[in-house]
Protein backbone atom coordinates (compact mmCIF):
# COMPACT_ATOMS: atom_id res chain seq x y z
CA MET A 1 19.24 52.63 -10.05
CA MET A 2 16.29 52.57 -12.46
CA ASN A 3 13.36 54.97 -12.06
CA LYS A 4 10.66 53.22 -10.00
CA VAL A 5 8.49 56.25 -9.39
CA THR A 6 6.91 56.97 -12.77
CA PRO A 7 3.66 54.92 -13.09
CA ARG A 8 3.78 52.17 -15.76
CA VAL A 9 1.87 49.14 -17.02
CA PHE A 10 3.07 46.28 -19.20
CA ILE A 11 0.84 44.97 -22.02
CA ALA A 12 1.31 41.30 -22.92
CA ALA A 13 -0.70 38.79 -24.96
CA THR A 14 -1.49 35.11 -24.99
CA ARG A 15 -0.49 34.63 -28.63
CA GLN A 16 0.66 36.47 -31.77
CA ASN A 17 -1.93 38.61 -33.50
CA ASP A 18 -4.28 38.67 -30.50
CA GLY A 19 -4.45 42.48 -30.60
CA LYS A 20 -1.73 43.59 -28.19
CA THR A 21 -0.47 46.43 -30.36
CA THR A 22 -4.05 47.46 -31.29
CA THR A 23 -4.89 47.63 -27.59
CA SER A 24 -1.69 49.53 -26.80
CA LEU A 25 -2.48 52.02 -29.59
CA GLY A 26 -5.90 52.70 -28.15
CA LEU A 27 -4.68 52.75 -24.54
CA MET A 28 -2.16 55.42 -25.36
CA ALA A 29 -4.94 57.82 -26.41
CA ALA A 30 -7.04 56.85 -23.33
CA LEU A 31 -4.09 57.33 -20.95
CA LYS A 32 -3.38 60.79 -22.33
CA LYS A 33 -6.71 61.91 -20.90
CA TYR A 34 -5.33 61.19 -17.40
CA TYR A 35 -1.64 61.97 -18.00
CA PRO A 36 -0.63 64.75 -20.39
CA ARG A 37 2.83 63.28 -21.05
CA VAL A 38 2.87 59.53 -21.71
CA GLY A 39 6.05 57.68 -22.73
CA TYR A 40 6.31 54.31 -24.51
CA ILE A 41 8.79 51.45 -24.55
CA LYS A 42 8.84 48.11 -26.30
CA PRO A 43 11.95 46.47 -24.74
CA VAL A 44 12.23 43.61 -27.28
CA GLY A 45 11.42 44.22 -30.92
CA GLN A 46 11.11 41.40 -33.43
CA ARG A 47 9.76 43.15 -36.59
CA ILE A 48 12.65 45.50 -37.29
CA VAL A 49 12.97 48.28 -39.86
CA GLU A 50 15.86 50.63 -40.45
CA VAL A 51 15.38 54.32 -39.74
CA GLU A 52 18.35 56.62 -40.29
CA GLU A 53 20.72 53.69 -39.73
CA GLN A 54 18.94 52.75 -36.53
CA ARG A 55 17.10 49.40 -36.20
CA ILE A 56 13.66 50.05 -34.73
CA ASP A 57 10.67 47.86 -34.03
CA GLU A 58 7.66 48.56 -36.33
CA ASP A 59 5.26 48.98 -33.41
CA THR A 60 7.48 51.68 -31.91
CA LEU A 61 7.42 53.55 -35.19
CA LEU A 62 3.63 53.28 -35.28
CA MET A 63 3.29 54.70 -31.77
CA ASP A 64 5.70 57.51 -32.42
CA SER A 65 4.11 58.36 -35.83
CA VAL A 66 0.62 58.51 -34.37
CA TYR A 67 1.34 60.25 -31.02
CA ARG A 68 4.61 62.21 -31.52
CA LEU A 69 5.97 60.93 -28.20
CA ASN A 70 9.07 63.10 -28.01
CA CYS A 71 11.25 60.14 -26.96
CA PRO A 72 14.39 58.87 -28.80
CA LEU A 73 13.43 55.96 -31.07
CA MET A 74 16.41 53.91 -29.93
CA GLU A 75 15.33 54.14 -26.29
CA MET A 76 11.71 53.20 -27.08
CA SER A 77 13.03 50.14 -28.94
CA PRO A 78 16.24 49.22 -27.09
CA ILE A 79 16.71 45.56 -28.06
CA ALA A 80 16.32 44.68 -31.74
CA ILE A 81 16.08 40.97 -32.49
CA GLU A 82 17.65 40.62 -35.92
CA PRO A 83 17.83 37.30 -37.78
CA ASP A 84 21.13 36.14 -36.21
CA PHE A 85 20.55 37.65 -32.72
CA THR A 86 19.38 34.43 -31.04
CA ARG A 87 22.22 32.29 -32.38
CA LYS A 88 24.86 34.83 -31.40
CA TYR A 89 23.32 35.21 -27.97
CA ILE A 90 23.30 31.47 -27.22
CA GLU A 91 26.95 31.28 -28.24
CA ASN A 92 27.98 34.37 -26.18
CA SER A 93 25.22 35.03 -23.62
CA ASN A 94 25.16 38.36 -21.80
CA PRO A 95 21.92 38.62 -19.78
CA GLU A 96 23.34 41.50 -17.68
CA TRP A 97 23.62 43.66 -20.80
CA LEU A 98 19.94 43.08 -21.70
CA VAL A 99 18.84 44.13 -18.22
CA ARG A 100 21.12 47.18 -18.11
CA ARG A 101 20.14 48.29 -21.64
CA THR A 102 16.42 48.02 -20.85
CA GLN A 103 16.70 49.89 -17.56
CA GLN A 104 18.73 52.69 -19.12
CA ALA A 105 16.24 52.94 -21.96
CA PHE A 106 13.30 53.13 -19.57
CA ASP A 107 14.94 55.96 -17.59
CA ARG A 108 15.35 57.97 -20.77
CA VAL A 109 11.80 57.22 -21.98
CA ALA A 110 10.35 58.14 -18.55
CA TRP A 111 12.31 61.40 -18.36
CA GLU A 112 9.77 64.25 -17.74
CA LYS A 113 6.86 61.83 -18.43
CA ASP A 114 3.81 61.30 -16.21
CA PHE A 115 3.21 57.66 -17.25
CA VAL A 116 4.96 55.00 -19.37
CA LEU A 117 3.13 52.36 -21.47
CA CYS A 118 5.31 49.24 -21.80
CA GLU A 119 4.52 46.78 -24.63
CA GLY A 120 5.67 43.19 -24.69
CA SER A 121 6.46 41.14 -27.76
CA GLY A 122 3.95 38.32 -27.37
CA HIS A 123 3.12 35.80 -24.65
CA ALA A 124 4.94 35.59 -21.33
CA GLY A 125 7.59 33.15 -22.59
CA VAL A 126 8.67 34.95 -25.77
CA GLY A 127 12.35 35.78 -25.43
CA ALA A 128 13.17 33.02 -22.95
CA VAL A 129 15.62 31.62 -25.50
CA PHE A 130 17.89 34.60 -24.84
CA ASP A 131 17.15 34.90 -21.13
CA PHE A 132 14.81 37.89 -21.51
CA SER A 133 11.20 36.62 -21.74
CA ASN A 134 8.33 39.03 -21.53
CA ALA A 135 7.86 37.92 -17.92
CA ARG A 136 11.50 38.80 -17.20
CA ALA A 137 11.18 42.08 -19.04
CA ALA A 138 8.16 43.08 -16.96
CA LYS A 139 10.12 42.18 -13.80
CA VAL A 140 13.10 44.28 -14.88
CA LEU A 141 10.78 47.21 -15.61
CA ASN A 142 9.05 46.77 -12.20
CA ALA A 143 5.72 46.76 -14.01
CA LYS A 144 2.37 45.09 -13.39
CA VAL A 145 0.80 43.33 -16.41
CA VAL A 146 -2.39 43.42 -18.46
CA ILE A 147 -2.86 40.38 -20.74
CA VAL A 148 -4.68 40.71 -24.06
CA SER A 149 -6.36 37.53 -25.33
CA ARG A 150 -8.66 36.58 -28.25
CA GLY A 151 -12.40 36.38 -27.51
CA GLY A 152 -14.02 33.20 -26.33
CA ILE A 153 -14.51 31.52 -22.92
CA GLY A 154 -12.50 28.36 -22.36
CA LYS A 155 -9.50 29.07 -24.56
CA PRO A 156 -8.66 32.59 -23.29
CA ILE A 157 -9.06 31.54 -19.62
CA ASP A 158 -6.76 28.53 -20.18
CA GLU A 159 -4.17 30.59 -22.01
CA VAL A 160 -4.27 33.49 -19.57
CA ALA A 161 -3.75 30.95 -16.69
CA LEU A 162 -0.65 29.58 -18.44
CA ASN A 163 0.81 33.08 -18.99
CA GLN A 164 -0.13 34.18 -15.46
CA ALA A 165 1.86 31.25 -14.02
CA LEU A 166 5.06 32.36 -15.88
CA PHE A 167 4.66 35.98 -14.84
CA GLU A 168 4.08 34.96 -11.23
CA LYS A 169 7.21 32.75 -11.33
CA GLU A 170 9.16 35.95 -12.05
CA GLY A 171 7.35 37.72 -9.23
CA VAL A 172 5.23 39.87 -11.55
CA GLU A 173 1.60 40.60 -10.84
CA VAL A 174 -0.99 40.21 -13.59
CA ILE A 175 -3.77 42.65 -12.72
CA GLY A 176 -6.31 41.72 -15.39
CA VAL A 177 -7.31 40.79 -18.89
CA ILE A 178 -8.64 42.52 -22.00
CA LEU A 179 -10.51 40.26 -24.45
CA ASN A 180 -10.26 41.24 -28.11
CA LYS A 181 -12.17 40.41 -31.30
CA VAL A 182 -15.38 39.27 -29.59
CA LEU A 183 -18.37 38.84 -31.88
CA PRO A 184 -20.84 41.61 -31.00
CA GLN A 185 -23.80 39.20 -30.68
CA LYS A 186 -21.86 37.20 -28.07
CA LEU A 187 -20.32 40.16 -26.19
CA GLU A 188 -22.69 40.27 -23.21
CA GLU A 189 -22.59 36.54 -22.58
CA ILE A 190 -18.78 36.26 -22.93
CA GLU A 191 -18.27 39.28 -20.71
CA ARG A 192 -20.50 37.87 -17.98
CA ILE A 193 -19.04 34.37 -17.93
CA THR A 194 -15.37 35.28 -18.37
CA ARG A 195 -15.61 37.90 -15.66
CA ILE A 196 -16.51 35.12 -13.20
CA GLY A 197 -13.87 32.78 -14.61
CA PHE A 198 -11.12 35.36 -14.32
CA GLN A 199 -12.22 36.40 -10.81
CA ARG A 200 -11.60 32.79 -9.71
CA ARG A 201 -7.99 33.31 -10.74
CA GLY A 202 -7.76 36.62 -8.91
CA LEU A 203 -7.93 38.61 -12.18
CA LYS A 204 -10.12 41.50 -13.25
CA LEU A 205 -11.78 41.60 -16.65
CA LEU A 206 -10.66 45.07 -17.74
CA GLY A 207 -12.35 45.25 -21.12
CA VAL A 208 -14.06 43.34 -23.90
CA LEU A 209 -13.42 44.72 -27.41
CA PRO A 210 -15.99 43.80 -30.07
CA TYR A 211 -14.76 42.47 -33.42
CA GLU A 212 -14.48 45.26 -36.00
CA PRO A 213 -14.21 43.90 -39.55
CA VAL A 214 -12.49 47.05 -40.78
CA LEU A 215 -9.41 46.26 -38.59
CA SER A 216 -8.87 42.95 -40.39
CA ARG A 217 -9.03 44.41 -43.88
CA PRO A 218 -5.71 45.21 -45.60
CA THR A 219 -5.13 48.51 -47.36
CA MET A 220 -3.75 48.75 -50.86
CA ASP A 221 -0.57 50.08 -49.32
CA LEU A 222 -0.12 46.86 -47.33
CA VAL A 223 -0.73 44.78 -50.45
CA TYR A 224 1.77 46.92 -52.33
CA SER A 225 4.51 46.62 -49.76
CA SER A 226 3.91 43.00 -48.78
CA LEU A 227 4.09 41.75 -52.38
CA ASN A 228 6.97 44.03 -53.41
CA ALA A 229 4.73 45.21 -56.23
CA ARG A 230 5.22 48.12 -58.63
CA ILE A 231 2.67 50.93 -58.80
CA LEU A 232 1.92 51.91 -62.36
CA ASN A 233 -0.20 55.03 -62.00
CA SER A 234 -0.54 58.07 -59.77
CA VAL A 235 -3.82 58.25 -57.91
CA GLY A 236 -2.69 59.50 -54.49
CA PRO A 237 -2.14 57.49 -51.30
CA LEU A 238 -2.95 53.77 -51.37
CA LYS A 239 -5.41 54.17 -48.56
CA HIS A 240 -8.39 52.16 -49.89
CA LEU A 241 -9.36 49.09 -47.86
CA VAL A 242 -9.59 45.70 -49.58
CA ASP A 243 -13.03 44.21 -48.75
CA ASN A 244 -12.97 41.28 -51.18
CA VAL A 245 -10.77 39.75 -53.88
CA VAL A 246 -11.95 38.99 -57.41
CA VAL A 247 -9.68 36.84 -59.63
CA GLY A 248 -9.96 37.93 -63.25
CA ALA A 249 -10.17 34.46 -64.79
CA MET A 250 -13.50 35.02 -66.55
CA SER A 251 -15.07 37.29 -69.20
CA PRO A 252 -14.95 41.10 -68.66
CA LYS A 253 -18.68 41.24 -68.16
CA GLU A 254 -18.56 38.57 -65.46
CA VAL A 255 -15.72 40.33 -63.66
CA VAL A 256 -17.68 43.63 -63.66
CA ASN A 257 -20.73 41.83 -62.27
CA PHE A 258 -18.66 40.46 -59.32
CA ILE A 259 -17.08 43.72 -58.24
CA ARG A 260 -18.31 46.09 -55.51
CA LYS A 261 -16.84 48.82 -53.40
CA GLY A 262 -13.56 47.66 -51.91
CA SER A 263 -12.85 44.94 -54.44
CA LEU A 264 -9.29 44.09 -55.41
CA ILE A 265 -9.13 42.60 -58.89
CA ILE A 266 -6.18 40.26 -59.44
CA MET A 267 -5.61 39.28 -63.06
CA PRO A 268 -2.95 38.40 -65.60
CA SER A 269 -1.24 41.40 -67.21
CA ASP A 270 -2.39 40.29 -70.68
CA ARG A 271 -6.10 40.72 -69.90
CA LYS A 272 -6.41 44.20 -71.39
CA ASP A 273 -10.08 43.42 -72.13
CA ILE A 274 -10.88 43.26 -68.38
CA LEU A 275 -8.97 46.45 -67.64
CA ARG A 276 -10.81 48.32 -70.43
CA ALA A 277 -14.14 47.08 -69.07
CA LEU A 278 -13.26 48.27 -65.57
CA ALA A 279 -12.02 51.64 -66.85
CA SER A 280 -15.30 52.31 -68.66
CA SER A 281 -17.67 51.00 -65.98
CA LEU A 282 -15.96 52.67 -63.00
CA LEU A 283 -15.13 56.04 -64.54
CA GLY A 284 -15.50 58.79 -61.92
CA GLN A 285 -15.60 56.35 -58.96
CA ALA A 286 -12.20 57.03 -57.46
CA GLU A 287 -13.54 57.36 -53.92
CA GLU A 288 -16.51 54.95 -54.01
CA GLY A 289 -15.18 52.38 -56.44
CA ILE A 290 -12.89 49.39 -56.28
CA ALA A 291 -9.77 49.23 -54.04
CA GLY A 292 -7.52 48.59 -57.03
CA VAL A 293 -6.14 46.22 -59.64
CA LEU A 294 -3.14 43.90 -59.29
CA LEU A 295 -1.64 42.71 -62.57
CA THR A 296 0.35 39.48 -62.41
CA GLY A 297 2.89 37.44 -64.34
CA SER A 298 5.02 40.26 -65.83
CA ASP A 299 7.31 43.14 -65.01
CA SER A 300 6.78 45.14 -68.17
CA VAL A 301 3.87 47.16 -69.55
CA SER A 302 3.04 47.75 -73.20
CA ASP A 303 2.32 51.26 -74.37
CA ASP A 304 -1.34 50.56 -75.19
CA LEU A 305 -1.88 49.01 -71.73
CA MET A 306 -0.17 51.97 -70.07
CA ASP A 307 -2.55 54.31 -71.91
CA ILE A 308 -5.50 52.55 -70.24
CA ILE A 309 -3.81 52.51 -66.81
CA SER A 310 -2.93 56.19 -66.84
CA ASN A 311 -6.64 57.11 -67.17
CA VAL A 312 -8.28 54.85 -64.56
CA PRO A 313 -9.36 56.32 -61.18
CA PHE A 314 -8.01 53.46 -59.07
CA PRO A 315 -4.47 52.22 -58.26
CA VAL A 316 -2.92 49.60 -60.60
CA LEU A 317 -0.09 47.45 -59.23
CA MET A 318 2.05 44.86 -60.97
CA THR A 319 3.96 41.80 -59.78
CA ARG A 320 5.87 39.05 -61.64
CA SER A 321 4.22 36.25 -59.56
CA GLU A 322 1.41 34.24 -61.11
CA THR A 323 -2.24 35.03 -60.45
CA PHE A 324 -3.33 32.33 -58.01
CA ALA A 325 -0.12 32.57 -55.95
CA VAL A 326 -0.77 36.28 -55.60
CA ALA A 327 -4.40 35.74 -54.61
CA SER A 328 -3.30 33.24 -51.98
CA ALA A 329 -0.71 35.68 -50.62
CA VAL A 330 -3.24 38.46 -50.34
CA HIS A 331 -5.65 36.11 -48.52
CA ASP A 332 -2.96 35.14 -46.01
CA LEU A 333 -1.74 38.67 -45.28
CA THR A 334 -1.26 39.39 -41.60
CA VAL A 335 -2.98 42.75 -41.23
CA LYS A 336 -1.12 45.16 -38.99
CA THR A 337 -2.13 48.78 -38.36
CA ARG A 338 0.17 51.24 -40.11
CA PRO A 339 0.69 54.97 -39.42
CA THR A 340 -1.20 55.91 -42.57
CA ASP A 341 -4.32 53.89 -41.55
CA THR A 342 -6.09 56.92 -40.15
CA GLN A 343 -9.56 55.34 -40.34
CA LYS A 344 -8.45 52.25 -38.49
CA ILE A 345 -6.61 54.26 -35.82
CA GLU A 346 -9.77 56.30 -35.10
CA VAL A 347 -11.77 53.06 -34.80
CA ILE A 348 -9.17 51.64 -32.36
CA ARG A 349 -9.20 54.75 -30.20
CA ASN A 350 -13.01 54.69 -29.98
CA LEU A 351 -13.08 50.92 -29.20
CA VAL A 352 -10.72 51.25 -26.27
CA ALA A 353 -12.28 54.44 -24.98
CA ARG A 354 -15.74 52.74 -24.93
CA HIS A 355 -14.86 49.27 -23.82
CA VAL A 356 -11.74 49.32 -21.58
CA ASP A 357 -11.85 50.39 -17.91
CA VAL A 358 -8.77 52.60 -17.81
CA GLU A 359 -9.59 53.90 -14.32
CA GLN A 360 -9.63 50.28 -13.07
CA ILE A 361 -6.15 49.73 -14.59
CA LEU A 362 -4.81 52.83 -12.89
CA GLU A 363 -6.37 51.86 -9.58
CA SER A 364 -4.90 48.34 -9.81
CA ILE A 365 -1.35 49.63 -10.30
CA GLY A 366 -1.76 52.30 -7.59
CA ALA A 367 -1.48 55.22 -10.03
CA THR A 368 -3.07 58.56 -9.31
CA PRO A 369 -4.36 60.47 -12.39
CA ILE A 370 -3.05 63.98 -12.92
CA SER A 371 -6.05 65.18 -14.82
CA ASN A 372 -9.78 64.32 -14.98
CA PRO A 373 -10.94 63.15 -18.44
CA ALA A 374 -14.47 64.47 -17.78
């Protein structure tokens, strides 16, 4: 029989990239002010990485890296959806195993914990194809739900209503909504109107998070890993945020005129003239200068080019893809928070601490705090 005593809440979303993981990351810090020992589980993981021969969801790794949760990784990420999982499941379905595996994992995660934060993998219907939708997972975990949705008025209320219906069909209570990425100048109006709109559906507006541009900016590390690039010099961690992209298809003087702090310059690897201009104009600006340079169209570096690269104060990456394809790929990057994004993580913690009513969440699920955050 699964543990039904330890308080828990399930975080879902209306769509991909609405901010569910960002909200969960901030909520974990906020919950720790009320409960010293908080556990975490993401029953169904879709973005899988291999860690010591174990297949773990990326969000689980993020949570564990940031908060040192002292839970086995395999139990925090019990069901890994690999590329052939759905096909194999449809051919040989075993819904009882999914339920049993999730309940066993929850028991281990909740062991000696005061609270467990449960994170879904998208909207209420994600996972229905293998009989374990988010709505079903919340039911199996005996958890009430908070839905995260993108800012606005009509669209979030419509989408929350759709998700609420599926959760309620499974007998799961949705206690409220957190709106994310709301333009600061519209925050008061959206908060006032959506609070009334959600009340009409029996839901509480639990928080409104203002849009923070820094959270949408990729780091050089994300560019590096997403494009399978090579790094050509040693300038420390690739932590700089990319604020804008400059394509080096002009004269060196024009390129230098376009750049500012946080610029990523993407240019063909044969444009040594641009790299020399950058090297001379940005000397000594490792911290306040550009985010980096991405050389394209080659996988080899001449000795004279390497001499320039080894002396510049910013990271230089290289990829074989052509310039405009690379620029398009950088523009289309889905920015996810990573364990090394310390600046972003601090912003997220502060956002949730200031704008989410954690005490209202605890009251709505009938949980009694162990400690007083004051």
